[in-house]
């Protein structure tokens, strides 16, 4: 059963029981992404790491690394 079919079945059941219809699939996706990001930042602060710009700092270190001398 696809997500759409499942949603339609849930909507039908809710209508028959006099309950409010469930939200459409994907309605709250961005809210979940924001909450996940906030949770990651919170965990970084608890661990003593910077909460913002970690990826940019890592890329900057990698791109601007000094070449090692071989010898």
Foldseek 3Di string as FASTA:
>chain_A
DDLVVVLVVQQVVCVVVVHDRDDRPPPCVVVVVVVVLVVQLVVCVVVVHHSPDPVVVVVVCVVPPDDDDDD
